[in-house]
PDB file of all heavy atoms in Angstrom:
ATOM      1  N   ALA A   1      63.892  32.264 -79.621  1.00  0.00           N
ATOM      2  CA  ALA A   1      64.267  32.307 -81.031  1.00  0.00           C
ATOM      3  C   ALA A   1      63.797  31.094 -81.813  1.00  0.00           C
ATOM      4  O   ALA A   1      63.380  31.184 -82.974  1.00  0.00           O
ATOM      5  CB  ALA A   1      65.803  32.463 -81.133  1.00  0.00           C
ATOM      6  N   PHE A   2      63.913  29.922 -81.155  1.00  0.00           N
ATOM      7  CA  PHE A   2      63.456  28.667 -81.779  1.00  0.00           C
ATOM      8  C   PHE A   2      61.970  28.737 -82.069  1.00  0.00           C
ATOM      9  O   PHE A   2      61.515  28.353 -83.151  1.00  0.00           O
ATOM     10  CB  PHE A   2      63.819  27.500 -80.859  1.00  0.00           C
ATOM     11  CG  PHE A   2      63.515  26.144 -81.401  1.00  0.00           C
ATOM     12  CD1 PHE A   2      63.869  25.789 -82.686  1.00  0.00           C
ATOM     13  CD2 PHE A   2      62.916  25.203 -80.580  1.00  0.00           C
ATOM     14  CE1 PHE A   2      63.606  24.524 -83.184  1.00  0.00           C
ATOM     15  CE2 PHE A   2      62.657  23.885 -81.075  1.00  0.00           C
ATOM     16  CZ  PHE A   2      63.006  23.566 -82.352  1.00  0.00           C
ATOM     17  N   ALA A   3      61.186  29.209 -81.088  1.00  0.00           N
ATOM     18  CA  ALA A   3      59.753  29.359 -81.282  1.00  0.00           C
ATOM     19  C   ALA A   3      59.425  30.306 -82.439  1.00  0.00           C
ATOM     20  O   ALA A   3      58.593  30.010 -83.284  1.00  0.00           O
ATOM     21  CB  ALA A   3      59.099  29.801 -79.998  1.00  0.00           C
ATOM     22  N   ARG A   4      60.064  31.430 -82.458  1.00  0.00           N
ATOM     23  CA  ARG A   4      59.788  32.423 -83.546  1.00  0.00           C
ATOM     24  C   ARG A   4      60.175  31.812 -84.904  1.00  0.00           C
ATOM     25  O   ARG A   4      59.422  31.985 -85.903  1.00  0.00           O
ATOM     26  CB  ARG A   4      60.593  33.669 -83.306  1.00  0.00           C
ATOM     27  CG  ARG A   4      60.164  34.474 -82.096  1.00  0.00           C
ATOM     28  CD  ARG A   4      61.075  35.677 -81.843  1.00  0.00           C
ATOM     29  NE  ARG A   4      60.770  36.328 -80.605  1.00  0.00           N
ATOM     30  CZ  ARG A   4      59.925  37.360 -80.457  1.00  0.00           C
ATOM     31  NH1 ARG A   4      59.282  37.819 -81.556  1.00  0.00           N
ATOM     32  NH2 ARG A   4      59.722  37.932 -79.273  1.00  0.00           N
ATOM     33  N   GLU A   5      61.315  31.144 -84.962  1.00  0.00           N
ATOM     34  CA  GLU A   5      61.759  30.563 -86.246  1.00  0.00           C
ATOM     35  C   GLU A   5      60.785  29.503 -86.745  1.00  0.00           C
ATOM     36  O   GLU A   5      60.562  29.383 -87.963  1.00  0.00           O
ATOM     37  CB  GLU A   5      63.120  29.942 -86.039  1.00  0.00           C
ATOM     38  CG  GLU A   5      63.699  29.203 -87.238  1.00  0.00           C
ATOM     39  CD  GLU A   5      64.994  28.495 -86.900  1.00  0.00           C
ATOM     40  OE1 GLU A   5      65.722  28.981 -86.036  1.00  0.00           O
ATOM     41  OE2 GLU A   5      65.279  27.400 -87.481  1.00  0.00           O
ATOM     42  N   GLN A   6      60.198  28.741 -85.826  1.00  0.00           N
ATOM     43  CA  GLN A   6      59.331  27.616 -86.198  1.00  0.00           C
ATOM     44  C   GLN A   6      57.862  27.960 -86.178  1.00  0.00           C
ATOM     45  O   GLN A   6      57.006  27.050 -86.407  1.00  0.00           O
ATOM     46  CB  GLN A   6      59.597  26.407 -85.279  1.00  0.00           C
ATOM     47  CG  GLN A   6      60.977  25.899 -85.300  1.00  0.00           C
ATOM     48  CD  GLN A   6      61.434  25.405 -86.667  1.00  0.00           C
ATOM     49  OE1 GLN A   6      60.585  24.892 -87.432  1.00  0.00           O
ATOM     50  NE2 GLN A   6      62.721  25.512 -87.006  1.00  0.00           N
ATOM     51  N   GLY A   7      57.510  29.184 -85.847  1.00  0.00           N
ATOM     52  CA  GLY A   7      56.100  29.567 -85.828  1.00  0.00           C
ATOM     53  C   GLY A   7      55.414  29.220 -84.529  1.00  0.00           C
ATOM     54  O   GLY A   7      54.160  29.104 -84.513  1.00  0.00           O
ATOM     55  N   GLY A   8      56.152  29.119 -83.460  1.00  0.00           N
ATOM     56  CA  GLY A   8      55.591  28.776 -82.164  1.00  0.00           C
ATOM     57  C   GLY A   8      55.109  30.031 -81.421  1.00  0.00           C
ATOM     58  O   GLY A   8      55.243  31.156 -81.894  1.00  0.00           O
ATOM     59  N   LEU A   9      54.530  29.822 -80.235  1.00  0.00           N
ATOM     60  CA  LEU A   9      53.896  30.891 -79.468  1.00  0.00           C
ATOM     61  C   LEU A   9      54.725  31.343 -78.269  1.00  0.00           C
ATOM     62  O   LEU A   9      54.439  32.401 -77.718  1.00  0.00           O
ATOM     63  CB  LEU A   9      52.501  30.445 -78.981  1.00  0.00           C
ATOM     64  CG  LEU A   9      51.540  29.927 -80.054  1.00  0.00           C
ATOM     65  CD1 LEU A   9      50.266  29.421 -79.379  1.00  0.00           C
ATOM     66  CD2 LEU A   9      51.216  31.025 -81.048  1.00  0.00           C
ATOM     67  N   LEU A  10      55.683  30.549 -77.819  1.00  0.00           N
ATOM     68  CA  LEU A  10      56.457  30.854 -76.630  1.00  0.00           C
ATOM     69  C   LEU A  10      57.343  32.054 -76.853  1.00  0.00           C
ATOM     70  O   LEU A  10      57.978  32.197 -77.901  1.00  0.00           O
ATOM     71  CB  LEU A  10      57.303  29.613 -76.263  1.00  0.00           C
ATOM     72  CG  LEU A  10      58.123  29.749 -74.953  1.00  0.00           C
ATOM     73  CD1 LEU A  10      57.220  29.685 -73.765  1.00  0.00           C
ATOM     74  CD2 LEU A  10      59.182  28.662 -74.893  1.00  0.00           C
ATOM     75  N   ARG A  11      57.418  32.938 -75.817  1.00  0.00           N
ATOM     76  CA  ARG A  11      58.276  34.116 -75.906  1.00  0.00           C
ATOM     77  C   ARG A  11      59.015  34.258 -74.588  1.00  0.00           C
ATOM     78  O   ARG A  11      58.681  33.681 -73.541  1.00  0.00           O
ATOM     79  CB  ARG A  11      57.429  35.380 -76.149  1.00  0.00           C
ATOM     80  CG  ARG A  11      56.710  35.390 -77.471  1.00  0.00           C
ATOM     81  CD  ARG A  11      57.682  35.451 -78.638  1.00  0.00           C
ATOM     82  NE  ARG A  11      57.003  35.577 -79.928  1.00  0.00           N
ATOM     83  CZ  ARG A  11      56.740  34.504 -80.722  1.00  0.00           C
ATOM     84  NH1 ARG A  11      57.084  33.279 -80.320  1.00  0.00           N
ATOM     85  NH2 ARG A  11      56.136  34.674 -81.886  1.00  0.00           N
ATOM     86  N   LEU A  12      60.058  35.072 -74.580  1.00  0.00           N
ATOM     87  CA  LEU A  12      60.895  35.281 -73.440  1.00  0.00           C
ATOM     88  C   LEU A  12      60.063  35.771 -72.241  1.00  0.00           C
ATOM     89  O   LEU A  12      60.295  35.348 -71.112  1.00  0.00           O
ATOM     90  CB  LEU A  12      61.995  36.289 -73.735  1.00  0.00           C
ATOM     91  CG  LEU A  12      62.982  36.626 -72.627  1.00  0.00           C
ATOM     92  CD1 LEU A  12      63.699  35.378 -72.113  1.00  0.00           C
ATOM     93  CD2 LEU A  12      64.003  37.698 -73.084  1.00  0.00           C
ATOM     94  N   ASP A  13      59.093  36.628 -72.476  1.00  0.00           N
ATOM     95  CA  ASP A  13      58.253  37.135 -71.356  1.00  0.00           C
ATOM     96  C   ASP A  13      57.535  35.966 -70.667  1.00  0.00           C
ATOM     97  O   ASP A  13      57.274  36.028 -69.446  1.00  0.00           O
ATOM     98  CB  ASP A  13      57.240  38.153 -71.868  1.00  0.00           C
ATOM     99  CG  ASP A  13      57.885  39.491 -72.206  1.00  0.00           C
ATOM    100  OD1 ASP A  13      59.046  39.703 -71.797  1.00  0.00           O
ATOM    101  OD2 ASP A  13      57.208  40.332 -72.838  1.00  0.00           O
ATOM    102  N   ASP A  14      57.127  34.976 -71.425  1.00  0.00           N
ATOM    103  CA  ASP A  14      56.455  33.810 -70.843  1.00  0.00           C
ATOM    104  C   ASP A  14      57.409  33.028 -69.899  1.00  0.00           C
ATOM    105  O   ASP A  14      57.027  32.599 -68.819  1.00  0.00           O
ATOM    106  CB  ASP A  14      55.952  32.864 -71.939  1.00  0.00           C
ATOM    107  CG  ASP A  14      55.001  33.527 -72.867  1.00  0.00           C
ATOM    108  OD1 ASP A  14      54.097  34.256 -72.398  1.00  0.00           O
ATOM    109  OD2 ASP A  14      55.137  33.318 -74.092  1.00  0.00           O
ATOM    110  N   MET A  15      58.665  32.904 -70.381  1.00  0.00           N
ATOM    111  CA  MET A  15      59.648  32.240 -69.533  1.00  0.00           C
ATOM    112  C   MET A  15      59.877  33.037 -68.242  1.00  0.00           C
ATOM    113  O   MET A  15      59.953  32.464 -67.138  1.00  0.00           O
ATOM    114  CB  MET A  15      60.947  32.068 -70.295  1.00  0.00           C
ATOM    115  CG  MET A  15      60.842  31.218 -71.526  1.00  0.00           C
ATOM    116  SD  MET A  15      60.662  29.465 -71.164  1.00  0.00           S
ATOM    117  CE  MET A  15      62.320  29.022 -70.580  1.00  0.00           C
ATOM    118  N   LEU A  16      59.982  34.335 -68.338  1.00  0.00           N
ATOM    119  CA  LEU A  16      60.233  35.184 -67.189  1.00  0.00           C
ATOM    120  C   LEU A  16      59.098  35.051 -66.137  1.00  0.00           C
ATOM    121  O   LEU A  16      59.334  35.195 -64.925  1.00  0.00           O
ATOM    122  CB  LEU A  16      60.402  36.633 -67.610  1.00  0.00           C
ATOM    123  CG  LEU A  16      61.654  36.994 -68.395  1.00  0.00           C
ATOM    124  CD1 LEU A  16      61.531  38.382 -69.001  1.00  0.00           C
ATOM    125  CD2 LEU A  16      62.868  36.879 -67.508  1.00  0.00           C
ATOM    126  N   ALA A  17      57.902  34.835 -66.606  1.00  0.00           N
ATOM    127  CA  ALA A  17      56.721  34.806 -65.729  1.00  0.00           C
ATOM    128  C   ALA A  17      56.479  33.433 -65.061  1.00  0.00           C
ATOM    129  O   ALA A  17      55.678  33.325 -64.138  1.00  0.00           O
ATOM    130  CB  ALA A  17      55.461  35.209 -66.496  1.00  0.00           C
ATOM    131  N   GLN A  18      57.168  32.390 -65.501  1.00  0.00           N
ATOM    132  CA  GLN A  18      56.905  31.062 -64.995  1.00  0.00           C
ATOM    133  C   GLN A  18      57.278  30.901 -63.515  1.00  0.00           C
ATOM    134  O   GLN A  18      58.358  31.283 -63.105  1.00  0.00           O
ATOM    135  CB  GLN A  18      57.629  30.004 -65.821  1.00  0.00           C
ATOM    136  CG  GLN A  18      57.443  28.573 -65.359  1.00  0.00           C
ATOM    137  CD  GLN A  18      55.982  28.074 -65.438  1.00  0.00           C
ATOM    138  OE1 GLN A  18      55.230  28.577 -66.275  1.00  0.00           O
ATOM    139  NE2 GLN A  18      55.639  27.142 -64.611  1.00  0.00           N
ATOM    140  N   ARG A  19      56.375  30.296 -62.730  1.00  0.00           N
ATOM    141  CA  ARG A  19      56.598  30.063 -61.326  1.00  0.00           C
ATOM    142  C   ARG A  19      56.184  28.636 -60.976  1.00  0.00           C
ATOM    143  O   ARG A  19      55.372  28.031 -61.654  1.00  0.00           O
ATOM    144  CB  ARG A  19      55.786  31.039 -60.459  1.00  0.00           C
ATOM    145  CG  ARG A  19      56.131  32.514 -60.655  1.00  0.00           C
ATOM    146  CD  ARG A  19      57.515  32.802 -60.049  1.00  0.00           C
ATOM    147  NE  ARG A  19      57.843  34.234 -60.193  1.00  0.00           N
ATOM    148  CZ  ARG A  19      58.505  34.756 -61.218  1.00  0.00           C
ATOM    149  NH1 ARG A  19      58.872  33.958 -62.230  1.00  0.00           N
ATOM    150  NH2 ARG A  19      58.803  36.026 -61.256  1.00  0.00           N
ATOM    151  N   ALA A  20      56.772  28.135 -59.900  1.00  0.00           N
ATOM    152  CA  ALA A  20      56.286  26.894 -59.285  1.00  0.00           C
ATOM    153  C   ALA A  20      55.660  27.302 -57.974  1.00  0.00           C
ATOM    154  O   ALA A  20      56.240  28.105 -57.213  1.00  0.00           O
ATOM    155  CB  ALA A  20      57.435  25.921 -59.035  1.00  0.00           C
ATOM    156  N   ASP A  21      54.505  26.759 -57.626  1.00  0.00           N
ATOM    157  CA  ASP A  21      53.691  27.224 -56.530  1.00  0.00           C
ATOM    158  C   ASP A  21      53.524  26.146 -55.468  1.00  0.00           C
ATOM    159  O   ASP A  21      53.139  25.008 -55.770  1.00  0.00           O
ATOM    160  CB  ASP A  21      52.321  27.660 -57.021  1.00  0.00           C
ATOM    161  CG  ASP A  21      52.411  28.692 -58.146  1.00  0.00           C
ATOM    162  OD1 ASP A  21      53.128  29.670 -57.968  1.00  0.00           O
ATOM    163  OD2 ASP A  21      51.697  28.516 -59.167  1.00  0.00           O
ATOM    164  N   TRP A  22      53.793  26.529 -54.212  1.00  0.00           N
ATOM    165  CA  TRP A  22      53.467  25.664 -53.064  1.00  0.00           C
ATOM    166  C   TRP A  22      51.962  25.751 -52.778  1.00  0.00           C
ATOM    167  O   TRP A  22      51.386  26.817 -52.875  1.00  0.00           O
ATOM    168  CB  TRP A  22      54.275  26.085 -51.843  1.00  0.00           C
ATOM    169  CG  TRP A  22      55.737  25.850 -51.958  1.00  0.00           C
ATOM    170  CD1 TRP A  22      56.696  26.742 -52.257  1.00  0.00           C
ATOM    171  CD2 TRP A  22      56.408  24.586 -51.781  1.00  0.00           C
ATOM    172  NE1 TRP A  22      57.929  26.159 -52.275  1.00  0.00           N
ATOM    173  CE2 TRP A  22      57.791  24.841 -52.000  1.00  0.00           C
ATOM    174  CE3 TRP A  22      56.017  23.277 -51.492  1.00  0.00           C
ATOM    175  CZ2 TRP A  22      58.767  23.831 -51.896  1.00  0.00           C
ATOM    176  CZ3 TRP A  22      56.965  22.274 -51.388  1.00  0.00           C
ATOM    177  CH2 TRP A  22      58.338  22.559 -51.600  1.00  0.00           C
ATOM    178  N   ALA A  23      51.397  24.608 -52.421  1.00  0.00           N
ATOM    179  CA  ALA A  23      49.961  24.556 -52.146  1.00  0.00           C
ATOM    180  C   ALA A  23      49.694  23.510 -51.097  1.00  0.00           C
ATOM    181  O   ALA A  23      50.571  22.763 -50.669  1.00  0.00           O
ATOM    182  CB  ALA A  23      49.198  24.216 -53.422  1.00  0.00           C
ATOM    183  N   ARG A  24      48.476  23.470 -50.631  1.00  0.00           N
ATOM    184  CA  ARG A  24      48.059  22.431 -49.691  1.00  0.00           C
ATOM    185  C   ARG A  24      47.472  21.275 -50.452  1.00  0.00           C
ATOM    186  O   ARG A  24      46.697  21.460 -51.417  1.00  0.00           O
ATOM    187  CB  ARG A  24      46.979  22.970 -48.718  1.00  0.00           C
ATOM    188  CG  ARG A  24      47.482  24.150 -47.880  1.00  0.00           C
ATOM    189  CD  ARG A  24      46.340  24.747 -47.096  1.00  0.00           C
ATOM    190  NE  ARG A  24      45.868  23.853 -46.018  1.00  0.00           N
ATOM    191  CZ  ARG A  24      44.835  24.100 -45.258  1.00  0.00           C
ATOM    192  NH1 ARG A  24      44.116  25.221 -45.465  1.00  0.00           N
ATOM    193  NH2 ARG A  24      44.450  23.267 -44.333  1.00  0.00           N
ATOM    194  N   PRO A  25      47.838  20.048 -50.120  1.00  0.00           N
ATOM    195  CA  PRO A  25      47.242  18.912 -50.808  1.00  0.00           C
ATOM    196  C   PRO A  25      45.773  18.747 -50.449  1.00  0.00           C
ATOM    197  O   PRO A  25      45.275  19.368 -49.535  1.00  0.00           O
ATOM    198  CB  PRO A  25      48.068  17.721 -50.294  1.00  0.00           C
ATOM    199  CG  PRO A  25      48.559  18.156 -48.957  1.00  0.00           C
ATOM    200  CD  PRO A  25      48.757  19.623 -49.043  1.00  0.00           C
ATOM    201  N   VAL A  26      45.090  17.894 -51.224  1.00  0.00           N
ATOM    202  CA  VAL A  26      43.714  17.506 -50.905  1.00  0.00           C
ATOM    203  C   VAL A  26      43.771  16.082 -50.362  1.00  0.00           C
ATOM    204  O   VAL A  26      44.595  15.293 -50.822  1.00  0.00           O
ATOM    205  CB  VAL A  26      42.845  17.553 -52.183  1.00  0.00           C
ATOM    206  CG1 VAL A  26      41.417  17.150 -51.864  1.00  0.00           C
ATOM    207  CG2 VAL A  26      42.869  18.943 -52.812  1.00  0.00           C
TER     208      VAL A  26
END
């Protein structure tokens, strides 16, 4: 709602899709 009110791009679907990923270091 804050993003929509201020003209931002973030939406609830973006929040739902966010993940943290385990990986192998270099």
